[in-house]
Amino acid sequence: MTGIRSLPSGKLQAFVKVQGKFYSETFDKGTNLKLLKNWREDKRVAVRTGAVIATVDPDVPTFPEDVATYLKLRTSMPTYGTRVQHLNEWSAYFGRRPRASITPQMIRARLESLIADGYSAGSVNRRRTALMSLWTVLDGKSARNPVRDAPKYREPKGEPRALSYLTIYRILVCMRPSKTRTRLRVLAWTGWPHKQIGQLKPEHLDLKRGRAYVTPRRKGGGTQGVWLPLVPGAIVALTAFHQEDCHGTFSASSMRHAFLLALAKLNTHREALKLRPITARPYDLRHSFGTWLAMQTHDERVVQTLMLHGTAEQSRRYTEAATTPRVDAAISGLRTQPSKGFQGNSKALAVKRKARKRR
């Protein structure tokens, strides 16, 4: 078998080539073949990540096996795809070691390396949450959980990453006509995430009355959808959505890919004009709608309802972001337009001065 051979002494040797170098280890005669294979896999991971290899007992489940067991129990969770991604990253880092050999120091080292690589505190905390859930589901809430000793990173208060609708228009113009572009228009004028857009059916649209039936973002027993009023731009976008038969689920990653290609094309034109490139993502269209809605209505409750927010705190980000330009505009108006009372007082003073000069 490749990577494993028998020595003249009767012992077994496992070897592997990683990053141009050979590594080997000698095992006693009769050693379980699975243990030798696990050593090779762990050595690859150890060399690439700097982790320490743990001796694997073939009768004890490895970390990837525990991950597979956990994922079978969590297939119904809304963020299943993201959870799979995060746990696969942990599997690549820990290798085929048993979970019992994982220490809080190893977890903290991994989280700190992600921060050093430029990951945001929120992104790192979500990976920590995935690992925490693995231990909790498989062992119970009161069992030993080394993730508890790896503290969360403090997340800064997020601000909406809003784009102007002129910028959104220019990005969409750089895309060829497609269902993806139509769905992005719906996202820009409704603020609904891709999952809500993918759940839309023809009977969910009542464009004559200017409303649509949408399922709330938070799932739960007995949760019902709601009929939401639509802004004029949303009615136009959803009309095209219905005419082009864009109903049904779609891939968020393919939408992101098409959006970034169009953005790169726009930035090429901006660089030719010596303008600063734009950094954006499809989800920023939701932030753009929320900020625009807050500036137009000045009503936090309206923002909360149309954005499908579970709490007022989520909506407050948009109303706070919309406050700054309104304050700036108000101050600018005060500077350029003095009050009538002030103008009247100035005229009265001028008349008195002229009367004194005549005397």
Protein backbone atom coordinates (compact mmCIF):
# COMPACT_ATOMS: atom_id res chain seq x y z
CA MET A 1 0.00 0.00 0.00
CA THR A 2 1.31 3.47 -0.91
CA GLY A 3 2.86 5.23 2.09
CA ILE A 4 3.13 2.07 4.23
CA ARG A 5 5.76 -0.68 4.00
CA SER A 6 7.06 -3.66 5.95
CA LEU A 7 10.67 -3.53 7.21
CA PRO A 8 13.05 -6.53 7.27
CA SER A 9 12.74 -6.53 11.06
CA GLY A 10 9.03 -7.22 10.75
CA LYS A 11 8.00 -3.74 11.90
CA LEU A 12 5.83 -1.45 9.82
CA GLN A 13 6.82 1.98 8.55
CA ALA A 14 4.46 4.77 7.49
CA PHE A 15 5.85 7.65 5.45
CA VAL A 16 4.45 10.72 3.75
CA LYS A 17 5.76 13.59 1.63
CA VAL A 18 4.59 17.07 2.65
CA GLN A 19 5.81 20.34 1.11
CA GLY A 20 8.73 18.59 -0.57
CA LYS A 21 9.99 16.72 2.54
CA PHE A 22 9.62 13.07 3.60
CA TYR A 23 8.45 12.12 7.09
CA SER A 24 8.29 8.59 8.47
CA GLU A 25 7.39 6.70 11.64
CA THR A 26 8.06 3.07 12.67
CA PHE A 27 5.35 0.98 14.31
CA ASP A 28 5.39 -2.46 15.93
CA LYS A 29 4.48 -5.59 13.98
CA GLY A 30 0.74 -6.18 13.90
CA THR A 31 -0.19 -2.52 14.32
CA ASN A 32 -3.70 -1.80 13.09
CA LEU A 33 -3.65 -0.55 9.48
CA LYS A 34 -6.15 2.20 10.32
CA LEU A 35 -3.73 3.65 12.87
CA LEU A 36 -1.00 3.89 10.23
CA LYS A 37 -3.35 5.62 7.79
CA ASN A 38 -4.44 8.06 10.48
CA TRP A 39 -0.82 8.87 11.28
CA ARG A 40 -0.18 9.83 7.65
CA GLU A 41 -3.23 12.10 7.54
CA ASP A 42 -2.36 13.70 10.86
CA LYS A 43 1.22 14.29 9.77
CA ARG A 44 0.07 16.16 6.69
CA VAL A 45 -2.13 18.42 8.80
CA ALA A 46 0.55 18.86 11.48
CA VAL A 47 3.20 20.01 9.01
CA ARG A 48 0.85 22.44 7.26
CA THR A 49 -0.78 23.94 10.34
CA GLY A 50 1.83 23.44 13.05
CA ALA A 51 -0.51 21.30 15.17
CA VAL A 52 0.76 18.48 17.38
CA ILE A 53 -0.03 14.89 16.37
CA ALA A 54 -2.01 12.84 18.85
CA THR A 55 -1.86 9.06 18.93
CA VAL A 56 -5.16 7.73 17.59
CA ASP A 57 -6.82 4.66 19.02
CA PRO A 58 -8.63 2.86 16.16
CA ASP A 59 -11.53 2.07 18.51
CA VAL A 60 -12.10 5.72 19.48
CA PRO A 61 -13.99 7.97 17.02
CA THR A 62 -11.83 10.64 15.40
CA PHE A 63 -12.78 14.29 15.25
CA PRO A 64 -14.00 14.11 11.60
CA GLU A 65 -16.15 11.09 12.54
CA ASP A 66 -17.69 13.04 15.41
CA VAL A 67 -18.34 15.92 13.00
CA ALA A 68 -20.16 13.57 10.62
CA THR A 69 -22.29 12.25 13.50
CA TYR A 70 -23.12 15.79 14.64
CA LEU A 71 -24.09 17.00 11.17
CA LYS A 72 -26.53 14.11 10.75
CA LEU A 73 -28.35 15.41 13.82
CA ARG A 74 -28.46 19.04 12.63
CA THR A 75 -29.60 18.81 9.00
CA SER A 76 -32.74 20.88 9.68
CA MET A 77 -30.95 23.96 11.05
CA PRO A 78 -31.33 27.09 8.84
CA THR A 79 -27.56 27.71 8.68
CA TYR A 80 -26.61 24.09 7.97
CA GLY A 81 -24.38 24.95 5.00
CA THR A 82 -22.34 27.46 7.00
CA ARG A 83 -22.06 25.03 9.92
CA VAL A 84 -20.67 22.34 7.57
CA GLN A 85 -18.08 24.79 6.26
CA HIS A 86 -16.90 25.84 9.71
CA LEU A 87 -16.65 22.29 11.08
CA ASN A 88 -14.78 21.13 7.99
CA GLU A 89 -12.25 23.86 8.70
CA TRP A 90 -11.87 22.56 12.25
CA SER A 91 -11.45 19.01 10.90
CA ALA A 92 -8.66 20.15 8.61
CA TYR A 93 -6.94 21.83 11.57
CA PHE A 94 -7.29 19.06 14.19
CA GLY A 95 -6.82 16.14 11.82
CA ARG A 96 -7.89 12.64 12.84
CA ARG A 97 -7.25 13.05 16.54
CA PRO A 98 -9.95 12.09 19.08
CA ARG A 99 -11.95 14.93 20.57
CA ALA A 100 -10.73 14.05 24.06
CA SER A 101 -7.19 15.11 23.09
CA ILE A 102 -8.25 18.65 22.05
CA THR A 103 -7.35 21.30 24.62
CA PRO A 104 -8.54 24.89 25.14
CA GLN A 105 -5.03 26.10 24.25
CA MET A 106 -5.30 24.49 20.82
CA ILE A 107 -8.68 26.12 20.22
CA ARG A 108 -7.45 29.55 21.34
CA ALA A 109 -4.37 29.23 19.12
CA ARG A 110 -6.57 28.55 16.11
CA LEU A 111 -8.92 31.44 16.85
CA GLU A 112 -5.99 33.83 17.34
CA SER A 113 -4.47 32.73 14.03
CA LEU A 114 -7.76 33.53 12.28
CA ILE A 115 -7.77 37.02 13.82
CA ALA A 116 -4.16 37.47 12.68
CA ASP A 117 -5.17 36.41 9.16
CA GLY A 118 -7.69 39.26 9.01
CA TYR A 119 -10.94 37.49 9.91
CA SER A 120 -13.48 39.68 11.69
CA ALA A 121 -14.40 39.07 15.32
CA GLY A 122 -17.91 38.02 14.28
CA SER A 123 -16.61 35.49 11.75
CA VAL A 124 -14.23 33.98 14.31
CA ASN A 125 -16.98 33.81 16.94
CA ARG A 126 -19.24 31.91 14.54
CA ARG A 127 -16.53 29.28 14.08
CA ARG A 128 -16.22 29.07 17.85
CA THR A 129 -20.00 28.65 18.14
CA ALA A 130 -19.93 25.75 15.66
CA LEU A 131 -17.30 23.97 17.76
CA MET A 132 -19.19 24.69 20.98
CA SER A 133 -22.38 23.23 19.51
CA LEU A 134 -20.53 20.06 18.48
CA TRP A 135 -19.53 19.31 22.09
CA THR A 136 -22.93 20.29 23.49
CA VAL A 137 -24.96 18.12 21.12
CA LEU A 138 -22.75 15.03 21.36
CA ASP A 139 -21.88 15.17 25.08
CA GLY A 140 -24.60 17.30 26.69
CA LYS A 141 -24.62 20.79 28.20
CA SER A 142 -23.06 19.76 31.51
CA ALA A 143 -20.22 17.68 30.04
CA ARG A 144 -16.63 18.83 29.64
CA ASN A 145 -16.36 21.40 26.89
CA PRO A 146 -12.92 22.92 26.19
CA VAL A 147 -14.49 25.59 23.97
CA ARG A 148 -15.87 27.34 27.06
CA ASP A 149 -12.31 28.21 28.09
CA ALA A 150 -11.70 29.96 24.76
CA PRO A 151 -13.42 33.35 25.26
CA LYS A 152 -15.39 35.11 22.57
CA TYR A 153 -13.89 38.09 20.76
CA ARG A 154 -15.56 41.41 21.29
CA GLU A 155 -17.46 42.41 18.17
CA PRO A 156 -17.61 46.09 17.25
CA LYS A 157 -21.05 47.56 16.71
CA GLY A 158 -21.76 47.06 13.04
CA GLU A 159 -22.84 49.86 10.75
CA PRO A 160 -24.85 49.29 7.57
CA ARG A 161 -22.68 49.13 4.47
CA ALA A 162 -25.03 51.10 2.26
CA LEU A 163 -24.49 51.96 -1.39
CA SER A 164 -26.19 54.75 -3.27
CA TYR A 165 -28.82 53.61 -5.75
CA LEU A 166 -26.82 55.24 -8.52
CA THR A 167 -23.90 52.95 -7.65
CA ILE A 168 -26.23 49.94 -7.54
CA TYR A 169 -27.58 50.87 -10.96
CA ARG A 170 -24.08 51.10 -12.39
CA ILE A 171 -23.14 47.68 -10.99
CA LEU A 172 -26.25 46.04 -12.43
CA VAL A 173 -25.67 47.68 -15.81
CA CYS A 174 -22.31 45.87 -15.94
CA MET A 175 -24.14 42.52 -15.75
CA ARG A 176 -25.68 40.78 -18.74
CA PRO A 177 -29.48 40.35 -18.62
CA SER A 178 -30.18 37.29 -16.48
CA LYS A 179 -32.31 35.96 -13.65
CA THR A 180 -29.47 36.76 -11.26
CA ARG A 181 -29.58 40.45 -12.21
CA THR A 182 -33.36 40.49 -11.78
CA ARG A 183 -33.08 38.89 -8.33
CA LEU A 184 -30.47 41.48 -7.35
CA ARG A 185 -32.90 44.24 -8.34
CA VAL A 186 -35.50 42.65 -6.06
CA LEU A 187 -32.95 42.49 -3.26
CA ALA A 188 -32.08 46.18 -3.75
CA TRP A 189 -35.72 47.34 -3.60
CA THR A 190 -37.12 44.99 -0.93
CA GLY A 191 -34.14 44.29 1.32
CA TRP A 192 -35.13 40.60 1.50
CA PRO A 193 -32.21 38.15 1.87
CA HIS A 194 -31.72 35.53 -0.84
CA LYS A 195 -33.57 32.85 1.16
CA GLN A 196 -36.76 34.93 1.29
CA ILE A 197 -36.48 35.72 -2.42
CA GLY A 198 -36.03 32.02 -3.18
CA GLN A 199 -39.22 31.18 -1.26
CA LEU A 200 -41.41 33.49 -3.37
CA LYS A 201 -44.12 31.79 -5.40
CA PRO A 202 -46.46 33.34 -8.02
CA GLU A 203 -49.35 33.30 -5.53
CA HIS A 204 -47.22 35.28 -3.07
CA LEU A 205 -47.25 38.36 -5.32
CA ASP A 206 -50.22 40.75 -5.39
CA LEU A 207 -48.68 43.50 -7.50
CA LYS A 208 -52.00 45.20 -8.26
CA ARG A 209 -52.37 45.97 -4.57
CA GLY A 210 -48.65 46.56 -4.19
CA ARG A 211 -47.92 43.84 -1.66
CA ALA A 212 -46.15 40.48 -1.29
CA TYR A 213 -46.42 37.51 1.08
CA VAL A 214 -43.09 36.87 2.81
CA THR A 215 -42.05 34.34 5.46
CA PRO A 216 -40.24 35.94 8.42
CA ARG A 217 -36.52 35.27 8.71
CA ARG A 218 -36.72 33.68 12.14
CA LYS A 219 -38.17 30.20 12.00
CA GLY A 220 -40.24 28.55 14.70
CA GLY A 221 -43.27 26.40 15.36
CA GLY A 222 -46.37 27.93 13.87
CA THR A 223 -44.53 30.87 12.27
CA GLN A 224 -46.70 32.37 9.52
CA GLY A 225 -45.82 34.63 6.65
CA VAL A 226 -46.99 38.23 6.41
CA TRP A 227 -48.27 40.45 3.61
CA LEU A 228 -45.87 43.39 3.27
CA PRO A 229 -46.49 46.60 1.30
CA LEU A 230 -44.04 47.29 -1.50
CA VAL A 231 -42.27 50.52 -2.44
CA PRO A 232 -42.65 51.58 -6.10
CA GLY A 233 -39.18 50.32 -7.04
CA ALA A 234 -40.02 46.91 -5.58
CA ILE A 235 -43.21 46.66 -7.65
CA VAL A 236 -41.25 47.27 -10.85
CA ALA A 237 -38.53 44.79 -9.85
CA LEU A 238 -41.00 42.07 -8.83
CA THR A 239 -42.99 42.53 -12.04
CA ALA A 240 -39.85 41.70 -14.01
CA PHE A 241 -39.14 38.89 -11.53
CA HIS A 242 -42.53 37.31 -12.27
CA GLN A 243 -42.35 37.85 -16.05
CA GLU A 244 -38.91 36.21 -16.27
CA ASP A 245 -40.04 33.29 -14.07
CA CYS A 246 -37.33 33.78 -11.44
CA HIS A 247 -39.31 31.85 -8.82
CA GLY A 248 -37.58 29.05 -6.91
CA THR A 249 -34.42 28.57 -4.88
CA PHE A 250 -31.04 29.60 -6.24
CA SER A 251 -27.42 29.56 -5.18
CA ALA A 252 -26.26 32.51 -3.09
CA SER A 253 -22.65 31.79 -4.09
CA SER A 254 -23.47 32.05 -7.82
CA MET A 255 -25.24 35.37 -7.15
CA ARG A 256 -22.19 36.60 -5.27
CA HIS A 257 -19.89 35.48 -8.08
CA ALA A 258 -21.90 37.31 -10.76
CA PHE A 259 -22.13 40.42 -8.58
CA LEU A 260 -18.37 40.52 -7.95
CA LEU A 261 -17.63 40.09 -11.66
CA ALA A 262 -19.86 43.08 -12.47
CA LEU A 263 -18.25 45.08 -9.66
CA ALA A 264 -14.78 44.27 -11.00
CA LYS A 265 -15.87 45.49 -14.43
CA LEU A 266 -17.17 48.74 -12.94
CA ASN A 267 -13.96 49.24 -10.95
CA THR A 268 -11.93 48.83 -14.15
CA HIS A 269 -13.81 51.81 -15.62
CA ARG A 270 -13.35 53.77 -12.38
CA GLU A 271 -9.61 53.13 -12.36
CA ALA A 272 -9.39 54.46 -15.93
CA LEU A 273 -11.04 57.65 -14.63
CA LYS A 274 -8.67 57.66 -11.62
CA LEU A 275 -11.54 57.08 -9.19
CA ARG A 276 -11.28 54.99 -6.04
CA PRO A 277 -12.55 51.40 -6.50
CA ILE A 278 -15.78 50.32 -4.78
CA THR A 279 -15.87 47.44 -2.30
CA ALA A 280 -19.28 45.78 -1.99
CA ARG A 281 -21.14 42.49 -1.71
CA PRO A 282 -24.72 41.45 -2.61
CA TYR A 283 -25.85 41.70 1.03
CA ASP A 284 -24.96 45.41 0.96
CA LEU A 285 -28.03 45.91 -1.24
CA ARG A 286 -30.14 44.98 1.78
CA HIS A 287 -28.28 47.55 3.88
CA SER A 288 -28.81 50.10 1.11
CA PHE A 289 -32.57 49.55 1.15
CA GLY A 290 -32.73 49.76 4.96
CA THR A 291 -30.75 53.01 5.04
CA TRP A 292 -32.78 54.53 2.20
CA LEU A 293 -36.01 53.52 3.94
CA ALA A 294 -34.89 55.11 7.21
CA MET A 295 -33.99 58.37 5.44
CA GLN A 296 -37.33 58.48 3.61
CA THR A 297 -39.67 57.54 6.47
CA HIS A 298 -37.74 58.53 9.64
CA ASP A 299 -39.76 55.73 11.27
CA GLU A 300 -37.99 52.89 13.08
CA ARG A 301 -41.11 50.74 13.17
CA VAL A 302 -41.52 50.91 9.39
CA VAL A 303 -37.91 49.82 8.94
CA GLN A 304 -38.37 46.94 11.37
CA THR A 305 -41.51 45.71 9.59
CA LEU A 306 -40.27 45.89 6.00
CA MET A 307 -36.79 44.56 6.83
CA LEU A 308 -38.26 41.57 8.74
CA HIS A 309 -36.26 42.39 11.85
CA GLY A 310 -36.97 40.43 15.02
CA THR A 311 -36.05 43.31 17.35
CA ALA A 312 -36.03 47.11 17.23
CA GLU A 313 -32.30 47.05 18.01
CA GLN A 314 -31.60 45.63 14.54
CA SER A 315 -33.56 48.46 12.91
CA ARG A 316 -31.89 51.14 15.01
CA ARG A 317 -28.65 50.72 13.06
CA TYR A 318 -30.38 52.07 9.96
CA THR A 319 -32.15 54.95 11.66
CA GLU A 320 -28.89 55.98 13.34
CA ALA A 321 -27.02 55.76 10.02
CA ALA A 322 -29.70 57.94 8.41
CA THR A 323 -29.49 60.57 11.19
CA THR A 324 -26.03 61.87 10.29
CA PRO A 325 -26.84 63.09 6.74
CA ARG A 326 -30.10 64.66 7.99
CA VAL A 327 -28.23 66.56 10.71
CA ASP A 328 -25.57 67.69 8.24
CA ALA A 329 -28.24 68.89 5.81
CA ALA A 330 -30.07 70.76 8.57
CA ILE A 331 -26.90 72.51 9.76
CA SER A 332 -25.98 73.39 6.19
CA GLY A 333 -29.40 74.97 5.71
CA LEU A 334 -29.01 77.03 8.88
CA ARG A 335 -25.67 78.39 7.69
CA THR A 336 -26.93 79.46 4.27
CA GLN A 337 -30.39 80.73 5.26
CA PRO A 338 -30.41 83.12 8.25
CA SER A 339 -33.68 83.39 10.14
CA LYS A 340 -36.23 86.06 9.14
CA GLY A 341 -36.05 87.56 12.60
CA PHE A 342 -32.35 88.09 12.24
CA GLN A 343 -32.81 89.67 8.82
CA GLY A 344 -35.53 91.97 10.22
CA ASN A 345 -33.33 93.10 13.10
CA SER A 346 -30.49 93.83 10.69
CA LYS A 347 -32.69 96.07 8.54
CA ALA A 348 -33.98 97.94 11.57
CA LEU A 349 -30.43 98.62 12.78
CA ALA A 350 -29.41 99.87 9.33
CA VAL A 351 -32.33 102.36 9.30
CA LYS A 352 -31.37 103.68 12.73
CA ARG A 353 -27.73 104.20 11.64
CA LYS A 354 -28.81 106.19 8.59
CA ALA A 355 -31.11 108.35 10.76
CA ARG A 356 -28.25 109.13 13.14
CA LYS A 357 -25.95 110.16 10.25
CA ARG A 358 -28.57 112.63 8.96
CA ARG A 359 -28.79 114.30 12.35
